[in-house]
């Protein structure tokens, strides 16, 4: 009898001290359909481009206000960022924009990826009810996401082979600024710089076209560039959102031409702004 009792106690203790299986996982928050008459689409203003943001354009065809607590873009084509708090109540409207950031593109070193389906996930409430999680389907393929993915991954493919940057030595001569683009090898392949475009504020005049070729065995290349003001009205300088985003067209090993956006460092931006204001007679001198 004692043996049986001891064995029973040991079994109970072992059961109490042993593993009890994996801990229970919290149940996923249930998704639900959007409120009737409420839909979304995606858009992007020029001011959004430099902020890596886009607009969730909300359409509400009902008379019931809808409160958006937060909004989030979810797609395999871009890294998913945490929801953006918006706290916006939207009544009847053809379009009301909610700005949100979007993550870096999911690029691959082999080729340009195809854009994947996307949804907009939001917590919304109507009629004073508690917020609930809803999922808005974005019509696929979305042209904006397709363009953003193409542009970002095109730049990625070129940057895998070489870094393209403004050189440090820029000088003012007459009514022009003269300097170099510096191409530094990062990966394999021959990199051809075909052309460099201007911006909303500056005209680019290369020394020649194509700009130059970074041969497969070469580590560094410098190409001469001349910049002159593209606009001299005060309004242009007040709205300089993309003044320093210079598109450079390049290709690797004779492949498809792709665009890389090259931005000068802040000290050079300040020098270029001061030069342009002086050249345009807007420096107050």
Protein backbone atom coordinates (compact mmCIF):
# COMPACT_ATOMS: atom_id res chain seq x y z
CA UNK A 1 0.00 0.00 0.00
CA UNK A 2 2.87 2.37 0.86
CA UNK A 3 4.53 1.61 -2.47
CA UNK A 4 1.32 2.43 -4.32
CA UNK A 5 0.90 5.71 -2.40
CA UNK A 6 4.48 6.80 -3.04
CA UNK A 7 4.19 6.00 -6.72
CA UNK A 8 0.97 7.99 -6.95
CA UNK A 9 2.54 11.01 -5.22
CA UNK A 10 5.57 10.84 -7.51
CA UNK A 11 3.36 10.73 -10.57
CA UNK A 12 1.36 13.74 -9.40
CA UNK A 13 4.53 15.72 -8.66
CA UNK A 14 6.01 14.83 -12.04
CA UNK A 15 2.87 15.93 -13.79
CA UNK A 16 2.84 19.22 -11.89
CA UNK A 17 6.51 20.02 -12.52
CA UNK A 18 6.82 18.77 -16.07
CA UNK A 19 6.12 20.72 -19.23
CA UNK A 20 2.48 21.45 -19.82
CA UNK A 21 2.74 21.93 -23.59
CA UNK A 22 3.22 25.15 -25.54
CA UNK A 23 1.65 28.26 -24.05
CA UNK A 24 -1.65 29.28 -25.51
CA UNK A 25 -1.26 31.82 -28.30
CA UNK A 26 -3.53 34.84 -28.31
CA UNK A 27 -6.15 34.52 -30.98
CA UNK A 28 -5.60 36.70 -34.01
CA UNK A 29 -7.71 39.83 -34.09
CA UNK A 30 -10.63 39.06 -36.39
CA UNK A 31 -10.85 41.01 -39.61
CA UNK A 32 -14.13 42.27 -40.95
CA UNK A 33 -15.40 43.83 -44.11
CA UNK A 34 -15.30 47.60 -44.58
CA UNK A 35 -18.45 49.59 -43.80
CA UNK A 36 -20.93 49.67 -46.65
CA UNK A 37 -20.29 52.51 -49.07
CA UNK A 38 -16.70 53.10 -47.92
CA UNK A 39 -13.78 52.29 -50.22
CA UNK A 40 -10.14 53.31 -50.65
CA UNK A 41 -7.62 53.79 -53.44
CA UNK A 42 -3.96 54.81 -53.48
CA UNK A 43 -2.44 58.07 -54.71
CA UNK A 44 0.73 60.08 -54.30
CA UNK A 45 1.40 63.82 -54.36
CA UNK A 46 4.74 65.28 -55.37
CA UNK A 47 5.41 66.21 -51.75
CA UNK A 48 4.91 62.55 -50.76
CA UNK A 49 7.72 61.29 -52.99
CA UNK A 50 10.61 62.67 -50.95
CA UNK A 51 8.94 61.45 -47.73
CA UNK A 52 8.47 57.89 -49.07
CA UNK A 53 4.76 58.27 -48.37
CA UNK A 54 1.48 57.83 -50.20
CA UNK A 55 -2.14 58.79 -49.76
CA UNK A 56 -4.96 56.44 -48.85
CA UNK A 57 -7.82 58.15 -50.67
CA UNK A 58 -11.05 57.38 -48.81
CA UNK A 59 -14.45 57.52 -50.52
CA UNK A 60 -17.60 57.53 -48.39
CA UNK A 61 -20.89 57.49 -50.31
CA UNK A 62 -23.08 57.23 -47.20
CA UNK A 63 -24.35 59.80 -44.72
CA UNK A 64 -22.73 57.96 -41.83
CA UNK A 65 -19.40 59.39 -40.66
CA UNK A 66 -16.59 56.85 -40.39
CA UNK A 67 -13.76 57.33 -37.92
CA UNK A 68 -10.34 56.00 -38.96
CA UNK A 69 -8.09 55.33 -35.97
CA UNK A 70 -5.06 54.08 -37.89
CA UNK A 71 -4.14 52.97 -41.40
CA UNK A 72 -1.54 50.55 -42.78
CA UNK A 73 -0.46 49.30 -46.22
CA UNK A 74 0.09 45.53 -46.38
CA UNK A 75 1.67 43.92 -49.45
CA UNK A 76 4.58 41.53 -50.08
CA UNK A 77 6.00 44.09 -52.53
CA UNK A 78 6.99 46.51 -49.73
CA UNK A 79 8.07 46.05 -46.14
CA UNK A 80 5.07 46.37 -43.85
CA UNK A 81 5.38 49.30 -41.46
CA UNK A 82 3.45 49.78 -38.21
CA UNK A 83 0.02 51.37 -38.62
CA UNK A 84 -0.02 55.16 -38.92
CA UNK A 85 -2.29 56.85 -36.37
CA UNK A 86 -4.61 59.24 -38.21
CA UNK A 87 -7.69 59.81 -35.97
CA UNK A 88 -9.76 61.15 -38.85
CA UNK A 89 -13.55 61.25 -39.04
CA UNK A 90 -14.70 61.17 -42.66
CA UNK A 91 -18.23 62.08 -43.67
CA UNK A 92 -19.73 61.89 -47.16
CA UNK A 93 -16.87 62.52 -49.58
CA UNK A 94 -15.65 61.61 -53.03
CA UNK A 95 -12.08 61.69 -51.76
CA UNK A 96 -10.36 62.47 -48.49
CA UNK A 97 -6.65 61.66 -48.28
CA UNK A 98 -4.90 60.04 -45.34
CA UNK A 99 -1.11 60.13 -45.63
CA UNK A 100 0.85 57.05 -44.56
CA UNK A 101 4.48 55.97 -45.05
CA UNK A 102 5.32 52.80 -46.94
CA UNK A 103 8.31 50.55 -46.42
CA UNK A 104 11.27 49.78 -48.69
CA UNK A 105 10.55 47.75 -51.80
CA UNK A 106 11.18 44.00 -51.74
CA UNK A 107 13.81 43.93 -54.50
CA UNK A 108 15.85 40.97 -55.75
CA UNK A 109 19.34 41.05 -57.32
CA UNK A 110 18.27 38.99 -60.34
CA UNK A 111 15.48 41.01 -61.95
CA UNK A 112 12.64 43.45 -61.45
CA UNK A 113 9.86 41.79 -59.44
CA UNK A 114 6.18 41.87 -60.37
CA UNK A 115 3.93 43.90 -58.10
CA UNK A 116 1.98 41.74 -55.64
CA UNK A 117 -1.59 42.19 -54.35
CA UNK A 118 -2.09 44.81 -51.64
CA UNK A 119 -4.58 45.65 -48.93
CA UNK A 120 -5.16 48.65 -46.70
CA UNK A 121 -5.74 47.61 -43.09
CA UNK A 122 -7.44 50.07 -40.76
CA UNK A 123 -9.22 50.29 -37.44
CA UNK A 124 -12.51 52.10 -38.00
CA UNK A 125 -15.66 52.84 -36.07
CA UNK A 126 -19.14 53.95 -37.08
CA UNK A 127 -22.11 55.12 -35.07
CA UNK A 128 -20.16 55.43 -31.84
CA UNK A 129 -19.24 51.74 -31.80
CA UNK A 130 -15.85 50.44 -30.71
CA UNK A 131 -13.17 50.46 -33.44
CA UNK A 132 -12.83 47.24 -35.40
CA UNK A 133 -10.17 45.99 -37.78
CA UNK A 134 -11.18 46.06 -41.43
CA UNK A 135 -9.34 45.15 -44.61
CA UNK A 136 -9.80 47.11 -47.83
CA UNK A 137 -8.74 45.30 -50.99
CA UNK A 138 -6.70 47.41 -53.40
CA UNK A 139 -7.57 46.61 -57.04
CA UNK A 140 -4.74 44.53 -58.50
CA UNK A 141 -2.43 45.38 -60.13
CA UNK A 142 -2.33 48.86 -58.64
CA UNK A 143 -0.56 51.20 -61.11
CA UNK A 144 0.96 53.39 -58.40
CA UNK A 145 2.46 50.48 -56.49
CA UNK A 146 3.71 48.96 -59.76
CA UNK A 147 5.52 52.20 -60.64
CA UNK A 148 6.97 52.66 -57.16
CA UNK A 149 8.23 49.07 -57.13
CA UNK A 150 9.74 49.38 -60.61
CA UNK A 151 11.51 52.66 -59.85
CA UNK A 152 12.90 51.58 -56.49
CA UNK A 153 14.07 48.17 -57.68
CA UNK A 154 15.61 49.62 -60.86
CA UNK A 155 17.70 51.86 -58.65
CA UNK A 156 18.53 48.89 -56.43
CA UNK A 157 19.88 46.87 -59.38
CA UNK A 158 22.24 49.66 -60.46
CA UNK A 159 23.41 50.32 -56.90
CA UNK A 160 24.28 46.65 -56.53
CA UNK A 161 26.96 47.23 -59.18
CA UNK A 162 28.13 50.77 -58.42
CA UNK A 163 27.58 53.79 -56.21
CA UNK A 164 26.86 57.06 -58.03
CA UNK A 165 27.38 60.31 -56.11
CA UNK A 166 28.24 63.97 -56.49
CA UNK A 167 31.96 64.61 -56.16
CA UNK A 168 33.27 67.08 -53.56
CA UNK A 169 35.01 69.58 -55.83
CA UNK A 170 32.42 71.97 -57.29
CA UNK A 171 33.40 75.43 -58.52
CA UNK A 172 31.45 78.42 -59.81
CA UNK A 173 32.55 79.86 -63.13
CA UNK A 174 30.58 82.59 -64.84
CA UNK A 175 26.92 81.64 -64.51
CA UNK A 176 27.48 77.88 -64.11
CA UNK A 177 28.58 75.39 -61.46
CA UNK A 178 31.13 72.80 -62.56
CA UNK A 179 31.89 69.49 -60.89
CA UNK A 180 31.89 65.72 -61.24
CA UNK A 181 29.80 62.65 -60.70
CA UNK A 182 31.83 59.92 -59.02
CA UNK A 183 31.06 56.27 -59.80
CA UNK A 184 32.56 53.75 -57.36
CA UNK A 185 32.40 50.01 -57.91
CA UNK A 186 30.37 47.86 -55.51
CA UNK A 187 29.71 44.69 -57.51
CA UNK A 188 30.44 42.96 -60.80
CA UNK A 189 29.77 44.10 -64.33
CA UNK A 190 30.42 46.99 -66.68
CA UNK A 191 28.40 50.06 -65.71
CA UNK A 192 27.46 52.55 -68.44
CA UNK A 193 26.15 55.99 -67.51
CA UNK A 194 24.08 57.06 -70.48
CA UNK A 195 22.70 60.40 -69.35
CA UNK A 196 21.81 62.65 -66.42
CA UNK A 197 18.61 64.67 -66.33
CA UNK A 198 17.88 67.97 -64.69
CA UNK A 199 15.40 68.78 -61.94
CA UNK A 200 12.67 71.33 -61.37
CA UNK A 201 15.39 73.89 -60.56
CA UNK A 202 18.59 72.93 -62.39
CA UNK A 203 19.62 72.21 -65.97
CA UNK A 204 22.30 69.54 -66.38
CA UNK A 205 24.82 69.79 -69.20
CA UNK A 206 27.12 66.74 -69.30
CA UNK A 207 30.54 66.99 -70.84
CA UNK A 208 29.47 64.31 -73.34
CA UNK A 209 26.90 61.55 -73.85
CA UNK A 210 27.10 58.79 -72.83
CA UNK A 211 28.64 60.16 -69.68
CA UNK A 212 31.13 57.34 -69.25
CA UNK A 213 31.76 53.63 -68.75
CA UNK A 214 33.05 52.00 -65.59
CA UNK A 215 34.82 49.02 -67.16
CA UNK A 216 34.63 45.63 -65.45
CA UNK A 217 38.16 45.88 -64.06
CA UNK A 218 37.95 49.53 -63.03
CA UNK A 219 37.11 50.70 -59.50
CA UNK A 220 36.34 54.41 -59.95
CA UNK A 221 35.20 56.83 -62.63
CA UNK A 222 34.64 60.60 -62.63
CA UNK A 223 32.50 62.35 -65.25
CA UNK A 224 32.26 66.16 -65.65
CA UNK A 225 28.88 67.86 -65.10
CA UNK A 226 27.74 71.47 -65.44
CA UNK A 227 24.69 72.86 -63.64
CA UNK A 228 22.78 76.07 -64.40
CA UNK A 229 19.50 77.43 -62.96
CA UNK A 230 16.38 76.07 -64.62
CA UNK A 231 13.93 78.57 -63.10
CA UNK A 232 14.45 82.00 -61.63
CA UNK A 233 11.03 82.87 -60.21
CA UNK A 234 10.74 83.22 -56.41
CA UNK A 235 7.87 80.71 -56.31
CA UNK A 236 10.19 78.00 -57.63
CA UNK A 237 12.60 78.41 -54.73
CA UNK A 238 9.73 78.37 -52.23
CA UNK A 239 8.49 75.02 -53.61
CA UNK A 240 11.80 73.19 -53.91
CA UNK A 241 10.54 69.71 -53.00
CA UNK A 242 12.43 67.89 -55.77
CA UNK A 243 15.10 70.44 -56.63
CA UNK A 244 17.97 68.07 -55.89
CA UNK A 245 16.67 64.73 -57.14
CA UNK A 246 18.75 64.22 -60.28
CA UNK A 247 17.87 61.19 -62.46
CA UNK A 248 20.86 59.31 -63.84
CA UNK A 249 20.23 56.72 -66.57
CA UNK A 250 22.55 53.73 -66.35
CA UNK A 251 22.88 50.10 -67.44
CA UNK A 252 24.91 47.09 -66.32
CA UNK A 253 26.64 44.87 -68.90
CA UNK A 254 24.65 46.39 -71.75
CA UNK A 255 21.34 45.45 -70.15
CA UNK A 256 18.17 47.48 -69.80
CA UNK A 257 18.64 51.15 -68.99
CA UNK A 258 17.48 52.02 -65.48
CA UNK A 259 17.16 55.23 -63.49
CA UNK A 260 19.02 56.08 -60.29
CA UNK A 261 18.09 59.21 -58.33
CA UNK A 262 21.26 60.97 -57.18
CA UNK A 263 21.01 63.63 -54.46
CA UNK A 264 23.91 65.95 -53.58
CA UNK A 265 24.91 66.16 -49.90
CA UNK A 266 23.36 68.96 -47.84
CA UNK A 267 26.43 71.26 -47.88
CA UNK A 268 26.48 71.12 -51.69
CA UNK A 269 22.72 71.70 -51.81
CA UNK A 270 23.21 74.88 -49.79
CA UNK A 271 25.99 76.02 -52.14
CA UNK A 272 23.86 75.33 -55.20
CA UNK A 273 20.91 77.23 -53.72
CA UNK A 274 23.07 80.26 -52.90
CA UNK A 275 24.62 80.15 -56.38
CA UNK A 276 21.22 79.92 -58.10
CA UNK A 277 19.75 82.78 -56.05
CA UNK A 278 22.73 84.97 -56.90
CA UNK A 279 22.69 84.03 -60.58
CA UNK A 280 18.94 84.73 -60.76
CA UNK A 281 19.32 88.05 -58.94
CA UNK A 282 17.21 86.87 -56.01
CA UNK A 283 19.85 87.04 -53.28
CA UNK A 284 19.01 90.62 -52.35
CA UNK A 285 22.43 91.81 -53.44
